[in-house]
N, C-alpha and C. Protein backbone atom coordinates (compact mmCIF):
# COMPACT_ATOMS: atom_id res chain seq x y z
N MET A 1 8.43 9.67 -13.11
CA MET A 1 8.25 8.88 -11.82
C MET A 1 7.19 8.33 -11.67
N ASN A 2 6.98 7.04 -11.34
CA ASN A 2 5.43 6.67 -11.20
C ASN A 2 5.66 5.51 -9.84
N TRP A 3 4.68 5.40 -9.20
CA TRP A 3 4.23 4.67 -8.08
C TRP A 3 3.46 3.57 -8.78
N LEU A 4 4.13 2.21 -8.08
CA LEU A 4 3.65 0.98 -8.21
C LEU A 4 3.18 0.37 -7.33
N ASP A 5 1.52 -0.03 -7.03
CA ASP A 5 1.17 -0.56 -5.91
C ASP A 5 1.29 -2.24 -6.00
N GLU A 6 2.11 -2.81 -5.11
CA GLU A 6 2.38 -4.16 -5.00
C GLU A 6 1.97 -4.81 -3.95
N ASN A 7 0.88 -4.12 -3.11
CA ASN A 7 -0.08 -4.64 -1.94
C ASN A 7 0.87 -4.62 -0.61
N TYR A 8 1.99 -5.52 -0.62
CA TYR A 8 2.65 -5.11 0.63
C TYR A 8 3.32 -3.92 0.72
N ARG A 9 3.62 -3.20 -0.41
CA ARG A 9 4.70 -1.98 -0.62
C ARG A 9 4.28 -1.31 -1.66
N ILE A 10 4.50 0.08 -1.64
CA ILE A 10 4.49 0.98 -3.17
C ILE A 10 5.62 1.18 -3.43
N VAL A 11 6.03 0.79 -4.55
CA VAL A 11 7.53 1.06 -5.24
C VAL A 11 7.64 2.43 -6.24
N LEU A 12 8.35 3.21 -5.86
CA LEU A 12 8.84 4.41 -6.87
C LEU A 12 9.64 3.85 -8.13
N MET A 13 9.04 4.14 -9.30
CA MET A 13 9.60 3.46 -10.37
C MET A 13 10.21 4.54 -11.27
N CYS A 14 11.18 4.51 -11.71
CA CYS A 14 11.82 5.67 -12.79
C CYS A 14 12.22 4.71 -13.91
N GLY A 15 11.37 5.03 -14.88
CA GLY A 15 11.47 3.60 -16.19
C GLY A 15 11.33 2.33 -15.68
N ASP A 16 12.62 1.61 -15.76
CA ASP A 16 12.32 0.33 -15.19
C ASP A 16 13.08 0.10 -13.83
N VAL A 17 13.64 1.13 -13.40
CA VAL A 17 14.40 1.11 -12.21
C VAL A 17 13.64 1.29 -10.94
N ASP A 18 13.78 0.28 -9.91
CA ASP A 18 12.97 0.47 -8.61
C ASP A 18 14.18 1.68 -7.76
N VAL A 19 13.29 2.70 -7.26
CA VAL A 19 14.06 3.79 -6.94
C VAL A 19 13.95 3.87 -5.34
N GLY A 20 12.85 3.39 -4.78
CA GLY A 20 12.56 3.13 -3.38
C GLY A 20 11.25 2.73 -3.21
N ALA A 21 10.79 2.54 -2.00
CA ALA A 21 9.31 1.90 -1.52
C ALA A 21 8.87 2.46 -0.33
N VAL A 22 7.76 2.43 0.06
CA VAL A 22 6.98 2.69 0.95
C VAL A 22 6.29 1.46 1.54
N TYR A 23 6.35 1.36 2.91
CA TYR A 23 5.59 0.03 3.63
C TYR A 23 4.60 0.58 4.51
N PRO A 24 3.23 -0.05 4.22
CA PRO A 24 2.50 0.16 5.14
C PRO A 24 2.60 -0.30 6.86
N PRO A 25 1.90 0.37 7.85
CA PRO A 25 2.06 -0.31 9.13
C PRO A 25 1.66 -1.88 9.26
N SER A 26 2.71 -2.38 9.94
CA SER A 26 2.25 -3.96 9.85
C SER A 26 2.26 -4.42 11.22
N GLY A 27 1.55 -5.22 11.72
CA GLY A 27 1.39 -5.78 13.19
C GLY A 27 0.74 -4.54 14.11
N ARG A 28 1.66 -4.39 15.18
CA ARG A 28 1.22 -3.37 16.02
C ARG A 28 2.16 -1.82 15.65
N ALA A 29 2.53 -1.88 14.62
CA ALA A 29 3.34 -0.50 14.22
C ALA A 29 2.20 0.47 13.88
N SER A 30 2.51 1.77 13.89
CA SER A 30 1.62 2.66 13.61
C SER A 30 2.04 3.78 12.45
N VAL A 31 3.34 3.32 12.18
CA VAL A 31 4.19 4.16 11.37
C VAL A 31 4.10 3.56 9.92
N TRP A 32 4.42 4.48 9.06
CA TRP A 32 4.76 3.99 7.48
C TRP A 32 6.24 3.79 7.17
N ARG A 33 6.92 3.07 6.86
CA ARG A 33 8.11 2.79 6.94
C ARG A 33 8.64 3.32 5.43
N TRP A 34 9.82 3.90 5.09
CA TRP A 34 10.10 4.26 3.55
C TRP A 34 11.71 3.83 3.47
N ARG A 35 12.04 3.54 2.46
CA ARG A 35 13.43 3.22 1.92
C ARG A 35 13.78 3.86 0.41
N VAL A 36 15.03 4.48 0.33
CA VAL A 36 15.19 4.59 -0.88
C VAL A 36 16.77 4.42 -1.24
N TRP A 37 16.76 3.48 -2.47
CA TRP A 37 18.04 2.86 -2.83
C TRP A 37 18.94 3.97 -3.91
N VAL A 38 18.27 4.71 -4.52
CA VAL A 38 19.11 5.56 -5.41
C VAL A 38 18.98 7.03 -4.51
N THR A 39 20.36 7.19 -4.20
CA THR A 39 20.48 8.52 -3.45
C THR A 39 21.44 9.39 -3.77
N LYS A 40 21.81 10.52 -3.58
CA LYS A 40 22.79 11.40 -3.77
C LYS A 40 23.91 10.96 -3.32
N SER A 41 23.83 10.26 -1.88
CA SER A 41 25.25 9.79 -1.53
C SER A 41 25.87 8.29 -2.02
N GLY A 42 24.68 7.68 -2.63
CA GLY A 42 25.05 6.41 -3.10
C GLY A 42 24.57 5.23 -2.18
N HIS A 43 24.38 5.93 -0.97
CA HIS A 43 23.87 4.86 0.48
C HIS A 43 22.48 5.01 0.51
N PRO A 44 21.61 3.72 0.75
CA PRO A 44 20.30 3.74 0.85
C PRO A 44 20.03 4.63 2.12
N ALA A 45 18.83 5.13 2.26
CA ALA A 45 18.19 5.89 3.33
C ALA A 45 16.90 5.43 3.64
N TRP A 46 16.60 5.56 5.19
CA TRP A 46 15.52 4.88 5.30
C TRP A 46 14.76 5.25 6.48
N GLY A 47 13.26 5.57 6.98
CA GLY A 47 12.72 5.83 8.06
C GLY A 47 11.58 5.68 8.40
N PRO A 48 11.06 6.19 9.27
CA PRO A 48 9.55 6.03 9.58
C PRO A 48 8.73 7.53 9.43
N GLU A 49 7.68 7.43 9.04
CA GLU A 49 6.97 8.64 8.97
C GLU A 49 5.31 8.34 9.51
N PRO A 50 4.78 8.88 9.91
CA PRO A 50 3.13 8.72 10.73
C PRO A 50 2.20 8.46 9.63
N THR A 51 2.54 9.11 8.28
CA THR A 51 1.30 9.06 7.36
C THR A 51 2.25 8.60 5.78
N ARG A 52 1.06 8.04 5.02
CA ARG A 52 1.66 7.33 3.76
C ARG A 52 2.23 8.52 2.90
N ARG A 53 1.27 9.54 3.22
CA ARG A 53 1.63 10.85 2.22
C ARG A 53 3.32 11.34 2.64
N GLY A 54 3.44 11.28 4.08
CA GLY A 54 4.98 11.69 4.74
C GLY A 54 5.85 10.84 3.92
N ALA A 55 5.77 9.60 4.07
CA ALA A 55 6.62 8.50 3.51
C ALA A 55 6.82 8.45 2.13
N ILE A 56 5.65 8.81 1.15
CA ILE A 56 6.07 9.08 -0.23
C ILE A 56 6.63 10.35 -0.33
N GLY A 57 6.67 11.41 0.45
CA GLY A 57 7.35 12.73 0.52
C GLY A 57 8.62 12.45 0.36
N GLN A 58 9.14 11.79 1.54
CA GLN A 58 10.55 11.35 1.79
C GLN A 58 11.30 10.61 0.84
N VAL A 59 10.76 9.67 -0.07
CA VAL A 59 11.03 8.95 -1.15
C VAL A 59 11.28 10.03 -2.17
N GLU A 60 10.61 10.41 -2.64
CA GLU A 60 10.35 11.42 -3.66
C GLU A 60 11.52 12.70 -3.51
N ALA A 61 11.51 13.23 -2.46
CA ALA A 61 12.47 14.64 -2.19
C ALA A 61 13.78 13.94 -2.37
N ARG A 62 14.07 12.62 -1.69
CA ARG A 62 15.38 12.16 -1.88
C ARG A 62 16.04 11.76 -3.06
N PHE A 63 14.80 11.16 -4.02
CA PHE A 63 15.39 10.78 -5.27
C PHE A 63 15.37 12.08 -5.95
N LYS A 64 14.72 13.17 -6.12
CA LYS A 64 14.75 14.37 -6.67
C LYS A 64 16.20 15.03 -6.43
N THR A 65 16.64 14.84 -5.08
CA THR A 65 18.18 15.33 -4.72
C THR A 65 19.18 14.59 -5.65
N PHE A 66 18.84 13.24 -5.73
CA PHE A 66 19.68 12.68 -6.40
C PHE A 66 19.73 12.94 -7.94
N LEU A 67 18.74 13.39 -8.45
CA LEU A 67 18.39 13.72 -9.71
C LEU A 67 19.29 14.96 -9.91
N THR A 68 19.08 16.15 -9.34
CA THR A 68 19.77 17.17 -9.07
C THR A 68 21.19 17.10 -9.11
N ALA A 69 21.59 16.37 -8.16
CA ALA A 69 23.22 15.92 -7.78
C ALA A 69 23.63 15.60 -9.29
N ALA A 70 23.05 14.49 -10.04
CA ALA A 70 23.34 13.92 -11.08
C ALA A 70 23.34 14.90 -12.48
N GLY A 71 22.74 15.86 -12.28
CA GLY A 71 22.22 16.64 -13.41
C GLY A 71 21.37 16.39 -14.25
N LEU A 72 20.07 15.47 -13.85
CA LEU A 72 19.32 14.78 -14.25
C LEU A 72 17.99 15.44 -14.10
N ALA A 73 16.68 14.90 -14.81
CA ALA A 73 15.44 15.60 -14.49
C ALA A 73 14.48 14.44 -14.90
N ALA A 74 13.61 14.42 -14.33
CA ALA A 74 12.65 13.39 -14.13
C ALA A 74 11.64 13.75 -15.22
N ILE A 75 11.00 13.07 -16.41
CA ILE A 75 10.09 13.51 -17.29
C ILE A 75 9.15 12.49 -17.36
N GLY A 76 8.06 12.90 -17.75
CA GLY A 76 6.94 12.12 -17.72
C GLY A 76 6.29 11.44 -16.39
N GLY A 77 5.28 10.78 -16.36
CA GLY A 77 4.97 10.45 -14.95
C GLY A 77 4.22 11.29 -13.98
N ALA A 78 3.84 10.80 -12.92
CA ALA A 78 3.26 11.79 -12.16
C ALA A 78 3.92 12.71 -11.18
N ALA A 79 5.22 12.94 -11.18
CA ALA A 79 6.03 13.40 -10.03
C ALA A 79 6.20 14.79 -10.63
């Protein structure tokens, strides 16, 4: 798993697959938003976190739950 910084968002990549993203606060918002497309249930998940680290943690934890449910394991990358 690797994080790709696209300026307006940070995308979690697994190979060539976009897994989810973290969005920095914009406008008057003070929270980081996160969204995961690849989840255990097959339904996207999203929410706010007060910090970048918290938002990244949410995305990684939900993707790791998917990997466990699918009987897969992340190899390589930073995670």
